[in-house]
Amino acid sequence: MMNKKLSQLFYLAASSFAVFGAVAHFLEHFYAPYLFSVGAAMFIIIQAIHVFTMPDTSMREMRLARIGLFSSLLLGLSAYFMFTNSNLWVIALLIYALTSFFLSYRGE
């Protein structure tokens, strides 16, 4: 498992790529989906590492971690919608944000 400092740095880089990609998409830059995709892939990797390397924890914590992994897959779907020039990427991103908000209060 990644140590805490490296994990925080990875989260910061992933969120920076995702935010810059989303803002660049609104400004209609051609590289926006690529930036967002890098951030989305990093979030998916972080969540997968978190789920698969969890020590023996309660079923509740495992369930919340799995929900986090599946909600991070919405970021990948959102990146796909960016590449297809569909506005559905905003809805997928909103569902991810609401799920993350919910999980932040449910976790310990």
PDB file of N, CA and C in Angstrom:
ATOM      1  N   MET A   1       0.837  -1.183   0.000  1.00  0.00           N
ATOM      2  CA  MET A   1       0.000   0.000   0.000  1.00  0.00           C
ATOM      3  C   MET A   1       0.878   1.241   0.000  1.00  0.00           C
ATOM      4  N   MET A   2       0.377   2.277  -0.626  1.00  0.00           N
ATOM      5  CA  MET A   2       1.116   3.528  -0.704  1.00  0.00           C
ATOM      6  C   MET A   2       1.134   4.178   0.676  1.00  0.00           C
ATOM      7  N   ASN A   3       2.263   4.838   0.985  1.00  0.00           N
ATOM      8  CA  ASN A   3       2.259   5.536   2.256  1.00  0.00           C
ATOM      9  C   ASN A   3       1.381   6.775   2.157  1.00  0.00           C
ATOM     10  N   LYS A   4       1.079   7.365   3.294  1.00  0.00           N
ATOM     11  CA  LYS A   4       0.074   8.428   3.345  1.00  0.00           C
ATOM     12  C   LYS A   4       0.498   9.663   2.560  1.00  0.00           C
ATOM     13  N   LYS A   5       1.762  10.043   2.651  1.00  0.00           N
ATOM     14  CA  LYS A   5       2.244  11.249   1.962  1.00  0.00           C
ATOM     15  C   LYS A   5       2.161  11.076   0.444  1.00  0.00           C
ATOM     16  N   LEU A   6       2.587   9.930  -0.049  1.00  0.00           N
ATOM     17  CA  LEU A   6       2.530   9.660  -1.481  1.00  0.00           C
ATOM     18  C   LEU A   6       1.085   9.580  -1.967  1.00  0.00           C
ATOM     19  N   SER A   7       0.225   9.006  -1.155  1.00  0.00           N
ATOM     20  CA  SER A   7      -1.185   8.912  -1.509  1.00  0.00           C
ATOM     21  C   SER A   7      -1.817  10.299  -1.612  1.00  0.00           C
ATOM     22  N   GLN A   8      -1.505  11.182  -0.680  1.00  0.00           N
ATOM     23  CA  GLN A   8      -2.033  12.546  -0.729  1.00  0.00           C
ATOM     24  C   GLN A   8      -1.514  13.297  -1.945  1.00  0.00           C
ATOM     25  N   LEU A   9      -0.261  13.089  -2.286  1.00  0.00           N
ATOM     26  CA  LEU A   9       0.321  13.737  -3.462  1.00  0.00           C
ATOM     27  C   LEU A   9      -0.346  13.232  -4.741  1.00  0.00           C
ATOM     28  N   PHE A  10      -0.634  11.943  -4.784  1.00  0.00           N
ATOM     29  CA  PHE A  10      -1.310  11.353  -5.939  1.00  0.00           C
ATOM     30  C   PHE A  10      -2.732  11.895  -6.073  1.00  0.00           C
ATOM     31  N   TYR A  11      -3.437  12.030  -4.938  1.00  0.00           N
ATOM     32  CA  TYR A  11      -4.777  12.627  -4.948  1.00  0.00           C
ATOM     33  C   TYR A  11      -4.727  14.066  -5.447  1.00  0.00           C
ATOM     34  N   LEU A  12      -3.747  14.828  -4.999  1.00  0.00           N
ATOM     35  CA  LEU A  12      -3.614  16.223  -5.415  1.00  0.00           C
ATOM     36  C   LEU A  12      -3.355  16.322  -6.910  1.00  0.00           C
ATOM     37  N   ALA A  13      -2.477  15.473  -7.423  1.00  0.00           N
ATOM     38  CA  ALA A  13      -2.189  15.486  -8.862  1.00  0.00           C
ATOM     39  C   ALA A  13      -3.421  15.077  -9.666  1.00  0.00           C
ATOM     40  N   ALA A  14      -4.126  14.059  -9.210  1.00  0.00           N
ATOM     41  CA  ALA A  14      -5.322  13.595  -9.924  1.00  0.00           C
ATOM     42  C   ALA A  14      -6.400  14.664  -9.946  1.00  0.00           C
ATOM     43  N   SER A  15      -6.626  15.291  -8.814  1.00  0.00           N
ATOM     44  CA  SER A  15      -7.661  16.329  -8.779  1.00  0.00           C
ATOM     45  C   SER A  15      -7.253  17.542  -9.595  1.00  0.00           C
ATOM     46  N   SER A  16      -5.962  17.863  -9.630  1.00  0.00           N
ATOM     47  CA  SER A  16      -5.501  18.986 -10.453  1.00  0.00           C
ATOM     48  C   SER A  16      -5.737  18.710 -11.933  1.00  0.00           C
ATOM     49  N   PHE A  17      -5.383  17.517 -12.379  1.00  0.00           N
ATOM     50  CA  PHE A  17      -5.622  17.163 -13.781  1.00  0.00           C
ATOM     51  C   PHE A  17      -7.111  17.207 -14.111  1.00  0.00           C
ATOM     52  N   ALA A  18      -7.940  16.679 -13.223  1.00  0.00           N
ATOM     53  CA  ALA A  18      -9.380  16.644 -13.486  1.00  0.00           C
ATOM     54  C   ALA A  18      -9.975  18.050 -13.528  1.00  0.00           C
ATOM     55  N   VAL A  19      -9.589  18.894 -12.593  1.00  0.00           N
ATOM     56  CA  VAL A  19     -10.131  20.258 -12.563  1.00  0.00           C
ATOM     57  C   VAL A  19      -9.654  21.056 -13.764  1.00  0.00           C
ATOM     58  N   PHE A  20      -8.358  20.975 -14.073  1.00  0.00           N
ATOM     59  CA  PHE A  20      -7.845  21.716 -15.229  1.00  0.00           C
ATOM     60  C   PHE A  20      -8.459  21.206 -16.528  1.00  0.00           C
ATOM     61  N   GLY A  21      -8.701  19.905 -16.605  1.00  0.00           N
ATOM     62  CA  GLY A  21      -9.348  19.354 -17.792  1.00  0.00           C
ATOM     63  C   GLY A  21     -10.780  19.827 -17.940  1.00  0.00           C
ATOM     64  N   ALA A  22     -11.508  19.893 -16.827  1.00  0.00           N
ATOM     65  CA  ALA A  22     -12.897  20.360 -16.880  1.00  0.00           C
ATOM     66  C   ALA A  22     -12.966  21.840 -17.242  1.00  0.00           C
ATOM     67  N   VAL A  23     -12.084  22.639 -16.656  1.00  0.00           N
ATOM     68  CA  VAL A  23     -12.067  24.074 -16.974  1.00  0.00           C
ATOM     69  C   VAL A  23     -11.647  24.288 -18.422  1.00  0.00           C
ATOM     70  N   ALA A  24     -10.657  23.534 -18.876  1.00  0.00           N
ATOM     71  CA  ALA A  24     -10.210  23.667 -20.268  1.00  0.00           C
ATOM     72  C   ALA A  24     -11.312  23.257 -21.241  1.00  0.00           C
ATOM     73  N   HIS A  25     -12.146  22.313 -20.841  1.00  0.00           N
ATOM     74  CA  HIS A  25     -13.260  21.918 -21.709  1.00  0.00           C
ATOM     75  C   HIS A  25     -14.268  23.056 -21.856  1.00  0.00           C
ATOM     76  N   PHE A  26     -14.526  23.761 -20.765  1.00  0.00           N
ATOM     77  CA  PHE A  26     -15.432  24.905 -20.847  1.00  0.00           C
ATOM     78  C   PHE A  26     -14.837  26.025 -21.694  1.00  0.00           C
ATOM     79  N   LEU A  27     -13.509  26.124 -21.706  1.00  0.00           N
ATOM     80  CA  LEU A  27     -12.837  27.132 -22.527  1.00  0.00           C
ATOM     81  C   LEU A  27     -12.577  26.634 -23.942  1.00  0.00           C
ATOM     82  N   GLU A  28     -13.058  25.429 -24.234  1.00  0.00           N
ATOM     83  CA  GLU A  28     -13.012  24.810 -25.556  1.00  0.00           C
ATOM     84  C   GLU A  28     -11.594  24.596 -26.093  1.00  0.00           C
ATOM     85  N   HIS A  29     -10.715  24.095 -25.227  1.00  0.00           N
ATOM     86  CA  HIS A  29      -9.378  23.711 -25.662  1.00  0.00           C
ATOM     87  C   HIS A  29      -9.413  22.254 -26.119  1.00  0.00           C
ATOM     88  N   PHE A  30      -8.645  21.941 -27.149  1.00  0.00           N
ATOM     89  CA  PHE A  30      -8.684  20.593 -27.728  1.00  0.00           C
ATOM     90  C   PHE A  30      -8.080  19.541 -26.806  1.00  0.00           C
ATOM     91  N   TYR A  31      -7.210  19.939 -25.894  1.00  0.00           N
ATOM     92  CA  TYR A  31      -6.519  18.982 -25.031  1.00  0.00           C
ATOM     93  C   TYR A  31      -7.284  18.698 -23.733  1.00  0.00           C
ATOM     94  N   ALA A  32      -8.432  19.300 -23.553  1.00  0.00           N
ATOM     95  CA  ALA A  32      -9.192  19.149 -22.305  1.00  0.00           C
ATOM     96  C   ALA A  32      -9.552  17.693 -21.982  1.00  0.00           C
ATOM     97  N   PRO A  33     -10.061  16.914 -22.935  1.00  0.00           N
ATOM     98  CA  PRO A  33     -10.401  15.525 -22.584  1.00  0.00           C
ATOM     99  C   PRO A  33      -9.186  14.701 -22.165  1.00  0.00           C
ATOM    100  N   TYR A  34      -8.028  15.028 -22.716  1.00  0.00           N
ATOM    101  CA  TYR A  34      -6.821  14.287 -22.362  1.00  0.00           C
ATOM    102  C   TYR A  34      -6.408  14.582 -20.920  1.00  0.00           C
ATOM    103  N   LEU A  35      -6.446  15.860 -20.542  1.00  0.00           N
ATOM    104  CA  LEU A  35      -6.121  16.220 -19.159  1.00  0.00           C
ATOM    105  C   LEU A  35      -7.098  15.564 -18.188  1.00  0.00           C
ATOM    106  N   PHE A  36      -8.373  15.663 -18.508  1.00  0.00           N
ATOM    107  CA  PHE A  36      -9.387  15.092 -17.630  1.00  0.00           C
ATOM    108  C   PHE A  36      -9.233  13.574 -17.546  1.00  0.00           C
ATOM    109  N   SER A  37      -8.898  12.939 -18.652  1.00  0.00           N
ATOM    110  CA  SER A  37      -8.736  11.479 -18.662  1.00  0.00           C
ATOM    111  C   SER A  37      -7.581  11.037 -17.782  1.00  0.00           C
ATOM    112  N   VAL A  38      -6.501  11.805 -17.778  1.00  0.00           N
ATOM    113  CA  VAL A  38      -5.366  11.472 -16.909  1.00  0.00           C
ATOM    114  C   VAL A  38      -5.794  11.549 -15.446  1.00  0.00           C
ATOM    115  N   GLY A  39      -6.506  12.615 -15.096  1.00  0.00           N
ATOM    116  CA  GLY A  39      -6.994  12.745 -13.722  1.00  0.00           C
ATOM    117  C   GLY A  39      -7.968  11.644 -13.349  1.00  0.00           C
ATOM    118  N   ALA A  40      -8.868  11.306 -14.265  1.00  0.00           N
ATOM    119  CA  ALA A  40      -9.841  10.242 -13.999  1.00  0.00           C
ATOM    120  C   ALA A  40      -9.138   8.898 -13.820  1.00  0.00           C
ATOM    121  N   ALA A  41      -8.164   8.619 -14.668  1.00  0.00           N
ATOM    122  CA  ALA A  41      -7.427   7.353 -14.553  1.00  0.00           C
ATOM    123  C   ALA A  41      -6.670   7.283 -13.228  1.00  0.00           C
ATOM    124  N   MET A  42      -6.110   8.405 -12.816  1.00  0.00           N
ATOM    125  CA  MET A  42      -5.400   8.417 -11.537  1.00  0.00           C
ATOM    126  C   MET A  42      -6.361   8.170 -10.372  1.00  0.00           C
ATOM    127  N   PHE A  43      -7.553   8.761 -10.425  1.00  0.00           N
ATOM    128  CA  PHE A  43      -8.546   8.516  -9.370  1.00  0.00           C
ATOM    129  C   PHE A  43      -8.972   7.054  -9.341  1.00  0.00           C
ATOM    130  N   ILE A  44      -9.167   6.464 -10.502  1.00  0.00           N
ATOM    131  CA  ILE A  44      -9.566   5.057 -10.552  1.00  0.00           C
ATOM    132  C   ILE A  44      -8.461   4.179  -9.975  1.00  0.00           C
ATOM    133  N   ILE A  45      -7.218   4.485 -10.307  1.00  0.00           N
ATOM    134  CA  ILE A  45      -6.087   3.713  -9.774  1.00  0.00           C
ATOM    135  C   ILE A  45      -6.003   3.848  -8.260  1.00  0.00           C
ATOM    136  N   ILE A  46      -6.172   5.070  -7.761  1.00  0.00           N
ATOM    137  CA  ILE A  46      -6.120   5.296  -6.314  1.00  0.00           C
ATOM    138  C   ILE A  46      -7.201   4.485  -5.607  1.00  0.00           C
ATOM    139  N   GLN A  47      -8.417   4.543  -6.133  1.00  0.00           N
ATOM    140  CA  GLN A  47      -9.516   3.815  -5.499  1.00  0.00           C
ATOM    141  C   GLN A  47      -9.304   2.309  -5.574  1.00  0.00           C
ATOM    142  N   ALA A  48      -8.790   1.824  -6.698  1.00  0.00           N
ATOM    143  CA  ALA A  48      -8.544   0.385  -6.831  1.00  0.00           C
ATOM    144  C   ALA A  48      -7.474  -0.076  -5.847  1.00  0.00           C
ATOM    145  N   ILE A  49      -6.412   0.698  -5.707  1.00  0.00           N
ATOM    146  CA  ILE A  49      -5.370   0.350  -4.738  1.00  0.00           C
ATOM    147  C   ILE A  49      -5.951   0.339  -3.330  1.00  0.00           C
ATOM    148  N   HIS A  50      -6.790   1.321  -3.053  1.00  0.00           N
ATOM    149  CA  HIS A  50      -7.396   1.405  -1.719  1.00  0.00           C
ATOM    150  C   HIS A  50      -8.284   0.193  -1.432  1.00  0.00           C
ATOM    151  N   VAL A  51      -9.065  -0.225  -2.401  1.00  0.00           N
ATOM    152  CA  VAL A  51      -9.975  -1.356  -2.188  1.00  0.00           C
ATOM    153  C   VAL A  51      -9.205  -2.663  -2.056  1.00  0.00           C
ATOM    154  N   PHE A  52      -8.236  -2.883  -2.925  1.00  0.00           N
ATOM    155  CA  PHE A  52      -7.583  -4.189  -2.966  1.00  0.00           C
ATOM    156  C   PHE A  52      -6.469  -4.360  -1.946  1.00  0.00           C
ATOM    157  N   THR A  53      -6.036  -3.285  -1.312  1.00  0.00           N
ATOM    158  CA  THR A  53      -4.978  -3.421  -0.311  1.00  0.00           C
ATOM    159  C   THR A  53      -5.459  -3.087   1.088  1.00  0.00           C
ATOM    160  N   MET A  54      -6.768  -3.051   1.279  1.00  0.00           N
ATOM    161  CA  MET A  54      -7.291  -2.773   2.617  1.00  0.00           C
ATOM    162  C   MET A  54      -6.992  -3.950   3.531  1.00  0.00           C
ATOM    163  N   PRO A  55      -6.508  -3.647   4.719  1.00  0.00           N
ATOM    164  CA  PRO A  55      -6.336  -4.752   5.672  1.00  0.00           C
ATOM    165  C   PRO A  55      -7.704  -5.254   6.115  1.00  0.00           C
ATOM    166  N   ASP A  56      -7.710  -6.255   6.945  1.00  0.00           N
ATOM    167  CA  ASP A  56      -8.985  -6.811   7.411  1.00  0.00           C
ATOM    168  C   ASP A  56      -9.773  -5.721   8.132  1.00  0.00           C
ATOM    169  N   THR A  57     -10.815  -5.275   7.469  1.00  0.00           N
ATOM    170  CA  THR A  57     -11.653  -4.226   8.037  1.00  0.00           C
ATOM    171  C   THR A  57     -13.086  -4.724   8.101  1.00  0.00           C
ATOM    172  N   SER A  58     -13.934  -3.886   8.626  1.00  0.00           N
ATOM    173  CA  SER A  58     -15.339  -4.271   8.747  1.00  0.00           C
ATOM    174  C   SER A  58     -15.996  -4.305   7.369  1.00  0.00           C
ATOM    175  N   MET A  59     -17.110  -4.977   7.314  1.00  0.00           N
ATOM    176  CA  MET A  59     -17.857  -5.066   6.056  1.00  0.00           C
ATOM    177  C   MET A  59     -18.349  -3.695   5.618  1.00  0.00           C
ATOM    178  N   ARG A  60     -18.653  -2.849   6.575  1.00  0.00           N
ATOM    179  CA  ARG A  60     -19.128  -1.503   6.268  1.00  0.00           C
ATOM    180  C   ARG A  60     -18.057  -0.709   5.531  1.00  0.00           C
ATOM    181  N   GLU A  61     -16.826  -0.763   6.023  1.00  0.00           N
ATOM    182  CA  GLU A  61     -15.734  -0.028   5.387  1.00  0.00           C
ATOM    183  C   GLU A  61     -15.419  -0.590   4.005  1.00  0.00           C
ATOM    184  N   MET A  62     -15.478  -1.904   3.866  1.00  0.00           N
ATOM    185  CA  MET A  62     -15.246  -2.504   2.549  1.00  0.00           C
ATOM    186  C   MET A  62     -16.333  -2.095   1.560  1.00  0.00           C
ATOM    187  N   ARG A  63     -17.580  -2.054   2.032  1.00  0.00           N
ATOM    188  CA  ARG A  63     -18.686  -1.657   1.161  1.00  0.00           C
ATOM    189  C   ARG A  63     -18.524  -0.207   0.724  1.00  0.00           C
ATOM    190  N   LEU A  64     -18.139   0.676   1.643  1.00  0.00           N
ATOM    191  CA  LEU A  64     -17.938   2.079   1.294  1.00  0.00           C
ATOM    192  C   LEU A  64     -16.779   2.243   0.315  1.00  0.00           C
ATOM    193  N   ALA A  65     -15.726   1.450   0.493  1.00  0.00           N
ATOM    194  CA  ALA A  65     -14.590   1.523  -0.430  1.00  0.00           C
ATOM    195  C   ALA A  65     -14.983   1.040  -1.819  1.00  0.00           C
ATOM    196  N   ARG A  66     -15.796   0.000  -1.889  1.00  0.00           N
ATOM    197  CA  ARG A  66     -16.257  -0.487  -3.197  1.00  0.00           C
ATOM    198  C   ARG A  66     -17.172   0.520  -3.878  1.00  0.00           C
ATOM    199  N   ILE A  67     -18.026   1.167  -3.103  1.00  0.00           N
ATOM    200  CA  ILE A  67     -18.875   2.212  -3.676  1.00  0.00           C
ATOM    201  C   ILE A  67     -18.002   3.339  -4.219  1.00  0.00           C
ATOM    202  N   GLY A  68     -16.939   3.680  -3.495  1.00  0.00           N
ATOM    203  CA  GLY A  68     -16.004   4.701  -3.969  1.00  0.00           C
ATOM    204  C   GLY A  68     -15.328   4.302  -5.266  1.00  0.00           C
ATOM    205  N   LEU A  69     -14.982   3.022  -5.388  1.00  0.00           N
ATOM    206  CA  LEU A  69     -14.362   2.548  -6.627  1.00  0.00           C
ATOM    207  C   LEU A  69     -15.343   2.638  -7.787  1.00  0.00           C
ATOM    208  N   PHE A  70     -16.561   2.180  -7.576  1.00  0.00           N
ATOM    209  CA  PHE A  70     -17.539   2.228  -8.662  1.00  0.00           C
ATOM    210  C   PHE A  70     -17.920   3.661  -9.016  1.00  0.00           C
ATOM    211  N   SER A  71     -17.935   4.543  -8.036  1.00  0.00           N
ATOM    212  CA  SER A  71     -18.240   5.935  -8.368  1.00  0.00           C
ATOM    213  C   SER A  71     -17.075   6.588  -9.100  1.00  0.00           C
ATOM    214  N   SER A  72     -15.849   6.161  -8.822  1.00  0.00           N
ATOM    215  CA  SER A  72     -14.719   6.725  -9.567  1.00  0.00           C
ATOM    216  C   SER A  72     -14.728   6.253 -11.020  1.00  0.00           C
ATOM    217  N   LEU A  73     -15.365   5.117 -11.280  1.00  0.00           N
ATOM    218  CA  LEU A  73     -15.520   4.687 -12.670  1.00  0.00           C
ATOM    219  C   LEU A  73     -16.421   5.642 -13.450  1.00  0.00           C
ATOM    220  N   LEU A  74     -17.254   6.393 -12.738  1.00  0.00           N
ATOM    221  CA  LEU A  74     -18.057   7.426 -13.393  1.00  0.00           C
ATOM    222  C   LEU A  74     -17.173   8.525 -13.982  1.00  0.00           C
ATOM    223  N   LEU A  75     -16.006   8.740 -13.380  1.00  0.00           N
ATOM    224  CA  LEU A  75     -15.075   9.715 -13.956  1.00  0.00           C
ATOM    225  C   LEU A  75     -14.555   9.225 -15.301  1.00  0.00           C
ATOM    226  N   GLY A  76     -14.310   7.928 -15.405  1.00  0.00           N
ATOM    227  CA  GLY A  76     -13.909   7.371 -16.693  1.00  0.00           C
ATOM    228  C   GLY A  76     -15.004   7.512 -17.729  1.00  0.00           C
ATOM    229  N   LEU A  77     -16.238   7.287 -17.313  1.00  0.00           N
ATOM    230  CA  LEU A  77     -17.377   7.477 -18.210  1.00  0.00           C
ATOM    231  C   LEU A  77     -17.507   8.945 -18.608  1.00  0.00           C
ATOM    232  N   SER A  78     -17.258   9.812 -17.674  1.00  0.00           N
ATOM    233  CA  SER A  78     -17.307  11.243 -17.953  1.00  0.00           C
ATOM    234  C   SER A  78     -16.233  11.632 -18.968  1.00  0.00           C
ATOM    235  N   ALA A  79     -15.050  11.052 -18.852  1.00  0.00           N
ATOM    236  CA  ALA A  79     -13.988  11.326 -19.826  1.00  0.00           C
ATOM    237  C   ALA A  79     -14.381  10.822 -21.210  1.00  0.00           C
ATOM    238  N   TYR A  80     -15.024   9.666 -21.263  1.00  0.00           N
ATOM    239  CA  TYR A  80     -15.502   9.149 -22.544  1.00  0.00           C
ATOM    240  C   TYR A  80     -16.490  10.118 -23.180  1.00  0.00           C
ATOM    241  N   PHE A  81     -17.421  10.627 -22.380  1.00  0.00           N
ATOM    242  CA  PHE A  81     -18.396  11.582 -22.910  1.00  0.00           C
ATOM    243  C   PHE A  81     -17.730  12.874 -23.368  1.00  0.00           C
ATOM    244  N   MET A  82     -16.624  13.236 -22.734  1.00  0.00           N
ATOM    245  CA  MET A  82     -15.887  14.418 -23.198  1.00  0.00           C
ATOM    246  C   MET A  82     -15.327  14.185 -24.596  1.00  0.00           C
ATOM    247  N   PHE A  83     -14.793  12.997 -24.823  1.00  0.00           N
ATOM    248  CA  PHE A  83     -14.224  12.694 -26.136  1.00  0.00           C
ATOM    249  C   PHE A  83     -15.292  12.637 -27.223  1.00  0.00           C
ATOM    250  N   THR A  84     -16.510  12.250 -26.857  1.00  0.00           N
ATOM    251  CA  THR A  84     -17.581  12.169 -27.855  1.00  0.00           C
ATOM    252  C   THR A  84     -18.316  13.493 -28.028  1.00  0.00           C
ATOM    253  N   ASN A  85     -17.854  14.531 -27.355  1.00  0.00           N
ATOM    254  CA  ASN A  85     -18.467  15.869 -27.406  1.00  0.00           C
ATOM    255  C   ASN A  85     -19.921  15.857 -26.961  1.00  0.00           C
ATOM    256  N   SER A  86     -20.224  15.020 -26.006  1.00  0.00           N
ATOM    257  CA  SER A  86     -21.561  14.966 -25.428  1.00  0.00           C
ATOM    258  C   SER A  86     -21.556  15.744 -24.114  1.00  0.00           C
ATOM    259  N   ASN A  87     -22.657  16.359 -23.797  1.00  0.00           N
ATOM    260  CA  ASN A  87     -22.752  17.092 -22.537  1.00  0.00           C
ATOM    261  C   ASN A  87     -23.105  16.194 -21.356  1.00  0.00           C
ATOM    262  N   LEU A  88     -23.220  14.907 -21.594  1.00  0.00           N
ATOM    263  CA  LEU A  88     -23.526  13.976 -20.512  1.00  0.00           C
ATOM    264  C   LEU A  88     -22.370  13.837 -19.527  1.00  0.00           C
ATOM    265  N   TRP A  89     -21.180  14.308 -19.909  1.00  0.00           N
ATOM    266  CA  TRP A  89     -20.044  14.222 -19.000  1.00  0.00           C
ATOM    267  C   TRP A  89     -20.312  15.033 -17.735  1.00  0.00           C
ATOM    268  N   VAL A  90     -21.075  16.099 -17.857  1.00  0.00           N
ATOM    269  CA  VAL A  90     -21.384  16.929 -16.694  1.00  0.00           C
ATOM    270  C   VAL A  90     -22.267  16.158 -15.715  1.00  0.00           C
ATOM    271  N   ILE A  91     -23.212  15.405 -16.223  1.00  0.00           N
ATOM    272  CA  ILE A  91     -24.108  14.627 -15.359  1.00  0.00           C
ATOM    273  C   ILE A  91     -23.337  13.514 -14.654  1.00  0.00           C
ATOM    274  N   ALA A  92     -22.462  12.824 -15.385  1.00  0.00           N
ATOM    275  CA  ALA A  92     -21.653  11.768 -14.770  1.00  0.00           C
ATOM    276  C   ALA A  92     -20.737  12.353 -13.697  1.00  0.00           C
ATOM    277  N   LEU A  93     -20.178  13.522 -13.964  1.00  0.00           N
ATOM    278  CA  LEU A  93     -19.316  14.183 -12.987  1.00  0.00           C
ATOM    279  C   LEU A  93     -20.111  14.619 -11.760  1.00  0.00           C
ATOM    280  N   LEU A  94     -21.328  15.087 -11.966  1.00  0.00           N
ATOM    281  CA  LEU A  94     -22.180  15.484 -10.846  1.00  0.00           C
ATOM    282  C   LEU A  94     -22.544  14.286  -9.977  1.00  0.00           C
ATOM    283  N   ILE A  95     -22.855  13.167 -10.599  1.00  0.00           N
ATOM    284  CA  ILE A  95     -23.176  11.959  -9.822  1.00  0.00           C
ATOM    285  C   ILE A  95     -21.956  11.516  -9.025  1.00  0.00           C
ATOM    286  N   TYR A  96     -20.762  11.593  -9.635  1.00  0.00           N
ATOM    287  CA  TYR A  96     -19.534  11.253  -8.909  1.00  0.00           C
ATOM    288  C   TYR A  96     -19.342  12.188  -7.714  1.00  0.00           C
ATOM    289  N   ALA A  97     -19.548  13.488  -7.932  1.00  0.00           N
ATOM    290  CA  ALA A  97     -19.344  14.458  -6.858  1.00  0.00           C
ATOM    291  C   ALA A  97     -20.322  14.229  -5.706  1.00  0.00           C
ATOM    292  N   LEU A  98     -21.574  13.959  -6.030  1.00  0.00           N
ATOM    293  CA  LEU A  98     -22.563  13.709  -4.977  1.00  0.00           C
ATOM    294  C   LEU A  98     -22.262  12.424  -4.214  1.00  0.00           C
ATOM    295  N   THR A  99     -21.818  11.402  -4.931  1.00  0.00           N
ATOM    296  CA  THR A  99     -21.461  10.145  -4.273  1.00  0.00           C
ATOM    297  C   THR A  99     -20.247  10.329  -3.374  1.00  0.00           C
ATOM    298  N   SER A 100     -19.255  11.066  -3.849  1.00  0.00           N
ATOM    299  CA  SER A 100     -18.071  11.325  -3.030  1.00  0.00           C
ATOM    300  C   SER A 100     -18.422  12.139  -1.792  1.00  0.00           C
ATOM    301  N   PHE A 101     -19.323  13.093  -1.969  1.00  0.00           N
ATOM    302  CA  PHE A 101     -19.776  13.894  -0.831  1.00  0.00           C
ATOM    303  C   PHE A 101     -20.475  13.012   0.197  1.00  0.00           C
ATOM    304  N   PHE A 102     -21.324  12.127  -0.272  1.00  0.00           N
ATOM    305  CA  PHE A 102     -22.018  11.190   0.612  1.00  0.00           C
ATOM    306  C   PHE A 102     -21.016  10.295   1.340  1.00  0.00           C
ATOM    307  N   LEU A 103     -20.040   9.768   0.611  1.00  0.00           N
ATOM    308  CA  LEU A 103     -19.070   8.854   1.212  1.00  0.00           C
ATOM    309  C   LEU A 103     -18.149   9.556   2.198  1.00  0.00           C
ATOM    310  N   SER A 104     -17.910  10.841   1.994  1.00  0.00           N
ATOM    311  CA  SER A 104     -17.031  11.555   2.917  1.00  0.00           C
ATOM    312  C   SER A 104     -17.670  11.689   4.298  1.00  0.00           C
ATOM    313  N   TYR A 105     -18.988  11.722   4.365  1.00  0.00           N
ATOM    314  CA  TYR A 105     -19.661  11.781   5.655  1.00  0.00           C
ATOM    315  C   TYR A 105     -19.940  10.403   6.233  1.00  0.00           C
ATOM    316  N   ARG A 106     -19.974   9.384   5.399  1.00  0.00           N
ATOM    317  CA  ARG A 106     -20.238   8.033   5.877  1.00  0.00           C
ATOM    318  C   ARG A 106     -18.976   7.354   6.385  1.00  0.00           C
ATOM    319  N   GLY A 107     -17.816   7.751   5.845  1.00  0.00           N
ATOM    320  CA  GLY A 107     -16.562   7.143   6.265  1.00  0.00           C
ATOM    321  C   GLY A 107     -16.144   7.634   7.638  1.00  0.00           C
ATOM    322  N   GLU A 108     -15.103   7.018   8.137  1.00  0.00           N
ATOM    323  CA  GLU A 108     -14.650   7.401   9.478  1.00  0.00           C
ATOM    324  C   GLU A 108     -13.555   8.413   9.417  1.00  0.00           C
TER     325      GLU A 108
END
